[in-house]
Amino acid sequence: MTWLGQKPEPQPIRPTQPTTAVHPQVPPPPPPVARVETIEARRVASIGKSLHVKGEVRGNEDLAIEGKVEGTIDLNGHHVTIAQTGKVSAEIRAKSVVVGGLVEGDILAAEKVEVGATGTMVGDIRAPRVVLLDGSRFKGSIDMDARSAPRPALVAPTASSPTANPGLSFDQTPAYSDATKR
């Protein structure tokens, strides 16, 4: 309706659909990720319950033993775990060793040896830290002198070597000479 020559006011345009404000798409936050240790971060080799290994075991990864091993285990810088079903008759050289089964032989560890409640150890232990849990069985000697911990070298010094450290001798002879008996 116009009144005396006035133009009609434009009618507001009413949208047929409700409009929403346009916001940039924000992705939802990612779901929480559980800390999963990748295989590459910590490689663990396994000797299963039905396996029997005779000889020398060497490598550059951690080792879990559930079966039998006879000989030597040389994994300097890595961890060795003997499960409750594991039976080892060997000298073991490693960064750390956990005994849950039976070990007959000497253990030389750079950091720690732990004999668990189900573990039996018959032999000598040479490591800066040794743990014997309640229920474990142990027969042998323990040397916790940090100076006598194994060095990274894979070959033990011989007694005839002029630079050999008698404290690192791997035979069972005493570490003193006839001159010291006088």
C-alpha atoms as a PDB file:
ATOM      1  CA  MET A   1       0.000   0.000   0.000  1.00  0.00           C
ATOM      2  CA  THR A   2       1.357   3.327  -0.949  1.00  0.00           C
ATOM      3  CA  TRP A   3       0.272   6.513   0.585  1.00  0.00           C
ATOM      4  CA  LEU A   4       0.465   9.705  -1.261  1.00  0.00           C
ATOM      5  CA  GLY A   5       3.141   8.722  -3.699  1.00  0.00           C
ATOM      6  CA  GLN A   6       5.445   6.874  -1.369  1.00  0.00           C
ATOM      7  CA  LYS A   7       7.098   3.773  -2.607  1.00  0.00           C
ATOM      8  CA  PRO A   8       6.300   0.627  -0.800  1.00  0.00           C
ATOM      9  CA  GLU A   9       8.923  -0.654   1.589  1.00  0.00           C
ATOM     10  CA  PRO A  10      10.591  -3.762   0.326  1.00  0.00           C
ATOM     11  CA  GLN A  11       9.510  -6.854   2.111  1.00  0.00           C
ATOM     12  CA  PRO A  12      12.317  -8.626   3.901  1.00  0.00           C
ATOM     13  CA  ILE A  13      13.284 -11.844   2.227  1.00  0.00           C
ATOM     14  CA  ARG A  14      12.699 -14.742   4.470  1.00  0.00           C
ATOM     15  CA  PRO A  15      14.810 -17.755   3.739  1.00  0.00           C
ATOM     16  CA  THR A  16      13.006 -20.987   3.164  1.00  0.00           C
ATOM     17  CA  GLN A  17      15.776 -22.969   4.881  1.00  0.00           C
ATOM     18  CA  PRO A  18      17.578 -21.925   7.986  1.00  0.00           C
ATOM     19  CA  THR A  19      21.080 -20.766   7.254  1.00  0.00           C
ATOM     20  CA  THR A  20      24.045 -21.665   9.326  1.00  0.00           C
ATOM     21  CA  ALA A  21      27.207 -19.743   9.688  1.00  0.00           C
ATOM     22  CA  VAL A  22      29.949 -21.154   7.539  1.00  0.00           C
ATOM     23  CA  HIS A  23      32.942 -22.148   9.642  1.00  0.00           C
ATOM     24  CA  PRO A  24      36.067 -23.762   8.321  1.00  0.00           C
ATOM     25  CA  GLN A  25      36.012 -27.513   8.905  1.00  0.00           C
ATOM     26  CA  VAL A  26      38.003 -28.366  12.012  1.00  0.00           C
ATOM     27  CA  PRO A  27      38.871 -32.023  12.127  1.00  0.00           C
ATOM     28  CA  PRO A  28      37.936 -33.790  15.322  1.00  0.00           C
ATOM     29  CA  PRO A  29      40.815 -34.458  17.683  1.00  0.00           C
ATOM     30  CA  PRO A  30      42.508 -37.786  17.027  1.00  0.00           C
ATOM     31  CA  PRO A  31      41.633 -40.604  19.386  1.00  0.00           C
ATOM     32  CA  PRO A  32      44.128 -41.170  22.172  1.00  0.00           C
ATOM     33  CA  VAL A  33      46.930 -43.428  21.023  1.00  0.00           C
ATOM     34  CA  ALA A  34      48.201 -46.092  23.384  1.00  0.00           C
ATOM     35  CA  ARG A  35      51.958 -46.266  23.674  1.00  0.00           C
ATOM     36  CA  VAL A  36      52.888 -49.242  21.623  1.00  0.00           C
ATOM     37  CA  GLU A  37      56.475 -50.316  21.457  1.00  0.00           C
ATOM     38  CA  THR A  38      57.278 -50.966  17.849  1.00  0.00           C
ATOM     39  CA  ILE A  39      59.158 -54.002  16.712  1.00  0.00           C
ATOM     40  CA  GLU A  40      61.908 -51.774  15.368  1.00  0.00           C
ATOM     41  CA  ALA A  41      62.300 -49.992  18.717  1.00  0.00           C
ATOM     42  CA  ARG A  42      63.049 -53.200  20.581  1.00  0.00           C
ATOM     43  CA  ARG A  43      63.740 -56.349  18.651  1.00  0.00           C
ATOM     44  CA  VAL A  44      63.391 -59.553  20.642  1.00  0.00           C
ATOM     45  CA  ALA A  45      64.392 -62.905  19.233  1.00  0.00           C
ATOM     46  CA  SER A  46      62.800 -65.999  20.734  1.00  0.00           C
ATOM     47  CA  ILE A  47      63.833 -69.598  21.221  1.00  0.00           C
ATOM     48  CA  GLY A  48      60.539 -71.431  21.622  1.00  0.00           C
ATOM     49  CA  LYS A  49      59.627 -74.206  24.049  1.00  0.00           C
ATOM     50  CA  SER A  50      60.174 -77.000  21.541  1.00  0.00           C
ATOM     51  CA  LEU A  51      63.582 -75.737  20.315  1.00  0.00           C
ATOM     52  CA  HIS A  52      66.948 -77.121  21.435  1.00  0.00           C
ATOM     53  CA  VAL A  53      69.996 -75.092  20.390  1.00  0.00           C
ATOM     54  CA  LYS A  54      73.573 -76.371  20.721  1.00  0.00           C
ATOM     55  CA  GLY A  55      76.488 -74.085  19.990  1.00  0.00           C
ATOM     56  CA  GLU A  56      77.115 -70.381  20.015  1.00  0.00           C
ATOM     57  CA  VAL A  57      74.355 -67.766  20.034  1.00  0.00           C
ATOM     58  CA  ARG A  58      75.426 -64.246  18.991  1.00  0.00           C
ATOM     59  CA  GLY A  59      73.429 -61.299  17.791  1.00  0.00           C
ATOM     60  CA  ASN A  60      72.352 -57.687  18.025  1.00  0.00           C
ATOM     61  CA  GLU A  61      68.943 -58.022  19.602  1.00  0.00           C
ATOM     62  CA  ASP A  62      67.339 -59.078  22.860  1.00  0.00           C
ATOM     63  CA  LEU A  63      66.684 -62.782  23.382  1.00  0.00           C
ATOM     64  CA  ALA A  64      63.887 -64.663  25.149  1.00  0.00           C
ATOM     65  CA  ILE A  65      64.550 -68.347  25.814  1.00  0.00           C
ATOM     66  CA  GLU A  66      61.694 -70.764  26.465  1.00  0.00           C
ATOM     67  CA  GLY A  67      63.446 -73.904  25.186  1.00  0.00           C
ATOM     68  CA  LYS A  68      66.942 -75.371  25.709  1.00  0.00           C
ATOM     69  CA  VAL A  69      70.292 -73.771  24.908  1.00  0.00           C
ATOM     70  CA  GLU A  70      73.703 -75.420  25.343  1.00  0.00           C
ATOM     71  CA  GLY A  71      76.981 -73.645  24.573  1.00  0.00           C
ATOM     72  CA  THR A  72      77.546 -69.894  24.790  1.00  0.00           C
ATOM     73  CA  ILE A  73      75.268 -66.875  24.541  1.00  0.00           C
ATOM     74  CA  ASP A  74      77.060 -63.664  23.616  1.00  0.00           C
ATOM     75  CA  LEU A  75      74.684 -60.698  23.316  1.00  0.00           C
ATOM     76  CA  ASN A  76      76.736 -57.794  24.663  1.00  0.00           C
ATOM     77  CA  GLY A  77      74.588 -54.687  24.947  1.00  0.00           C
ATOM     78  CA  HIS A  78      71.310 -56.637  24.886  1.00  0.00           C
ATOM     79  CA  HIS A  79      68.908 -58.303  27.316  1.00  0.00           C
ATOM     80  CA  VAL A  80      68.522 -62.048  27.814  1.00  0.00           C
ATOM     81  CA  THR A  81      65.418 -63.488  29.470  1.00  0.00           C
ATOM     82  CA  ILE A  82      65.172 -67.146  30.422  1.00  0.00           C
ATOM     83  CA  ALA A  83      61.487 -67.992  30.835  1.00  0.00           C
ATOM     84  CA  GLN A  84      60.175 -70.423  33.422  1.00  0.00           C
ATOM     85  CA  THR A  85      60.282 -73.233  30.836  1.00  0.00           C
ATOM     86  CA  GLY A  86      63.806 -72.289  29.668  1.00  0.00           C
ATOM     87  CA  LYS A  87      66.832 -74.481  30.402  1.00  0.00           C
ATOM     88  CA  VAL A  88      70.235 -73.015  29.667  1.00  0.00           C
ATOM     89  CA  SER A  89      73.578 -74.754  30.055  1.00  0.00           C
ATOM     90  CA  ALA A  90      75.870 -72.008  28.823  1.00  0.00           C
ATOM     91  CA  GLU A  91      78.024 -69.040  29.665  1.00  0.00           C
ATOM     92  CA  ILE A  92      75.939 -65.903  29.145  1.00  0.00           C
ATOM     93  CA  ARG A  93      77.371 -62.460  28.325  1.00  0.00           C
ATOM     94  CA  ALA A  94      74.788 -59.689  28.030  1.00  0.00           C
ATOM     95  CA  LYS A  95      73.745 -56.242  29.195  1.00  0.00           C
ATOM     96  CA  SER A  96      71.210 -57.730  31.603  1.00  0.00           C
ATOM     97  CA  VAL A  97      69.886 -61.213  32.344  1.00  0.00           C
ATOM     98  CA  VAL A  98      66.604 -62.306  33.927  1.00  0.00           C
ATOM     99  CA  VAL A  99      66.459 -65.938  35.059  1.00  0.00           C
ATOM    100  CA  GLY A 100      62.988 -67.437  35.396  1.00  0.00           C
ATOM    101  CA  GLY A 101      63.965 -71.015  34.503  1.00  0.00           C
ATOM    102  CA  LEU A 102      67.182 -73.017  34.959  1.00  0.00           C
ATOM    103  CA  VAL A 103      70.678 -71.723  34.182  1.00  0.00           C
ATOM    104  CA  GLU A 104      73.781 -73.860  34.634  1.00  0.00           C
ATOM    105  CA  GLY A 105      76.804 -71.753  33.767  1.00  0.00           C
ATOM    106  CA  ASP A 106      78.320 -68.382  34.462  1.00  0.00           C
ATOM    107  CA  ILE A 107      76.611 -65.076  33.766  1.00  0.00           C
ATOM    108  CA  LEU A 108      78.558 -61.917  32.997  1.00  0.00           C
ATOM    109  CA  ALA A 109      76.309 -58.850  32.743  1.00  0.00           C
ATOM    110  CA  ALA A 110      77.224 -55.222  32.179  1.00  0.00           C
ATOM    111  CA  GLU A 111      74.248 -53.908  34.182  1.00  0.00           C
ATOM    112  CA  LYS A 112      72.138 -56.405  36.116  1.00  0.00           C
ATOM    113  CA  VAL A 113      71.271 -60.054  36.784  1.00  0.00           C
ATOM    114  CA  GLU A 114      67.925 -60.966  38.305  1.00  0.00           C
ATOM    115  CA  VAL A 115      67.032 -64.480  39.438  1.00  0.00           C
ATOM    116  CA  GLY A 116      63.250 -64.603  39.676  1.00  0.00           C
ATOM    117  CA  ALA A 117      61.105 -66.506  42.155  1.00  0.00           C
ATOM    118  CA  THR A 118      60.866 -69.455  39.743  1.00  0.00           C
ATOM    119  CA  GLY A 119      64.528 -69.246  38.708  1.00  0.00           C
ATOM    120  CA  THR A 120      67.396 -71.585  39.525  1.00  0.00           C
ATOM    121  CA  MET A 121      70.971 -70.474  38.941  1.00  0.00           C
ATOM    122  CA  VAL A 122      73.965 -72.805  39.300  1.00  0.00           C
ATOM    123  CA  GLY A 123      77.137 -70.912  38.466  1.00  0.00           C
ATOM    124  CA  ASP A 124      78.918 -67.657  39.078  1.00  0.00           C
ATOM    125  CA  ILE A 125      77.437 -64.212  38.535  1.00  0.00           C
ATOM    126  CA  ARG A 126      79.561 -61.202  37.683  1.00  0.00           C
ATOM    127  CA  ALA A 127      77.540 -57.965  37.434  1.00  0.00           C
ATOM    128  CA  PRO A 128      77.336 -54.567  39.168  1.00  0.00           C
ATOM    129  CA  ARG A 129      73.750 -55.285  40.333  1.00  0.00           C
ATOM    130  CA  VAL A 130      72.334 -58.666  41.343  1.00  0.00           C
ATOM    131  CA  VAL A 131      68.784 -59.390  42.509  1.00  0.00           C
ATOM    132  CA  LEU A 132      67.747 -62.722  44.038  1.00  0.00           C
ATOM    133  CA  LEU A 133      63.995 -62.734  44.540  1.00  0.00           C
ATOM    134  CA  ASP A 134      62.297 -64.658  47.336  1.00  0.00           C
ATOM    135  CA  GLY A 135      61.872 -68.276  46.222  1.00  0.00           C
ATOM    136  CA  SER A 136      64.795 -68.257  43.785  1.00  0.00           C
ATOM    137  CA  ARG A 137      67.562 -70.853  44.063  1.00  0.00           C
ATOM    138  CA  PHE A 138      71.217 -69.981  43.669  1.00  0.00           C
ATOM    139  CA  LYS A 139      74.442 -71.949  43.994  1.00  0.00           C
ATOM    140  CA  GLY A 140      77.676 -70.225  43.072  1.00  0.00           C
ATOM    141  CA  SER A 141      79.469 -66.987  43.726  1.00  0.00           C
ATOM    142  CA  ILE A 142      78.571 -63.369  43.080  1.00  0.00           C
ATOM    143  CA  ASP A 143      81.045 -60.657  42.099  1.00  0.00           C
ATOM    144  CA  MET A 144      79.468 -57.201  42.136  1.00  0.00           C
ATOM    145  CA  ASP A 145      82.688 -55.233  41.685  1.00  0.00           C
ATOM    146  CA  ALA A 146      81.937 -52.701  38.940  1.00  0.00           C
ATOM    147  CA  ARG A 147      85.552 -52.886  37.770  1.00  0.00           C
ATOM    148  CA  SER A 148      85.151 -56.580  36.995  1.00  0.00           C
ATOM    149  CA  ALA A 149      82.007 -56.164  34.882  1.00  0.00           C
ATOM    150  CA  PRO A 150      82.511 -57.450  31.363  1.00  0.00           C
ATOM    151  CA  ARG A 151      83.820 -55.074  28.777  1.00  0.00           C
ATOM    152  CA  PRO A 152      82.169 -54.693  25.388  1.00  0.00           C
ATOM    153  CA  ALA A 153      84.899 -56.775  23.734  1.00  0.00           C
ATOM    154  CA  LEU A 154      83.651 -60.134  22.569  1.00  0.00           C
ATOM    155  CA  VAL A 155      86.897 -61.992  23.259  1.00  0.00           C
ATOM    156  CA  ALA A 156      88.085 -62.522  26.807  1.00  0.00           C
ATOM    157  CA  PRO A 157      91.737 -61.710  27.535  1.00  0.00           C
ATOM    158  CA  THR A 158      93.986 -64.718  27.905  1.00  0.00           C
ATOM    159  CA  ALA A 159      96.118 -65.323  30.974  1.00  0.00           C
ATOM    160  CA  SER A 160      99.282 -65.103  28.839  1.00  0.00           C
ATOM    161  CA  SER A 161      98.350 -61.657  27.521  1.00  0.00           C
ATOM    162  CA  PRO A 162     100.467 -58.929  29.191  1.00  0.00           C
ATOM    163  CA  THR A 163      97.450 -56.613  29.336  1.00  0.00           C
ATOM    164  CA  ALA A 164      95.094 -59.230  30.720  1.00  0.00           C
ATOM    165  CA  ASN A 165      93.181 -58.223  33.811  1.00  0.00           C
ATOM    166  CA  PRO A 166      93.275 -61.154  36.249  1.00  0.00           C
ATOM    167  CA  GLY A 167      89.869 -60.094  37.568  1.00  0.00           C
ATOM    168  CA  LEU A 168      88.405 -60.798  34.126  1.00  0.00           C
ATOM    169  CA  SER A 169      89.843 -64.280  33.802  1.00  0.00           C
ATOM    170  CA  PHE A 170      87.123 -66.703  32.806  1.00  0.00           C
ATOM    171  CA  ASP A 171      88.737 -69.881  34.019  1.00  0.00           C
ATOM    172  CA  GLN A 172      88.207 -71.097  37.555  1.00  0.00           C
ATOM    173  CA  THR A 173      91.837 -70.642  38.654  1.00  0.00           C
ATOM    174  CA  PRO A 174      92.576 -68.111  41.360  1.00  0.00           C
ATOM    175  CA  ALA A 175      93.455 -64.597  40.188  1.00  0.00           C
ATOM    176  CA  TYR A 176      96.814 -64.508  42.007  1.00  0.00           C
ATOM    177  CA  SER A 177     100.273 -65.693  41.095  1.00  0.00           C
ATOM    178  CA  ASP A 178     102.755 -67.850  42.990  1.00  0.00           C
ATOM    179  CA  ALA A 179     104.629 -64.673  43.968  1.00  0.00           C
ATOM    180  CA  THR A 180     101.685 -63.489  46.056  1.00  0.00           C
ATOM    181  CA  LYS A 181     101.523 -66.772  48.014  1.00  0.00           C
ATOM    182  CA  ARG A 182     104.868 -66.126  49.758  1.00  0.00           C
END
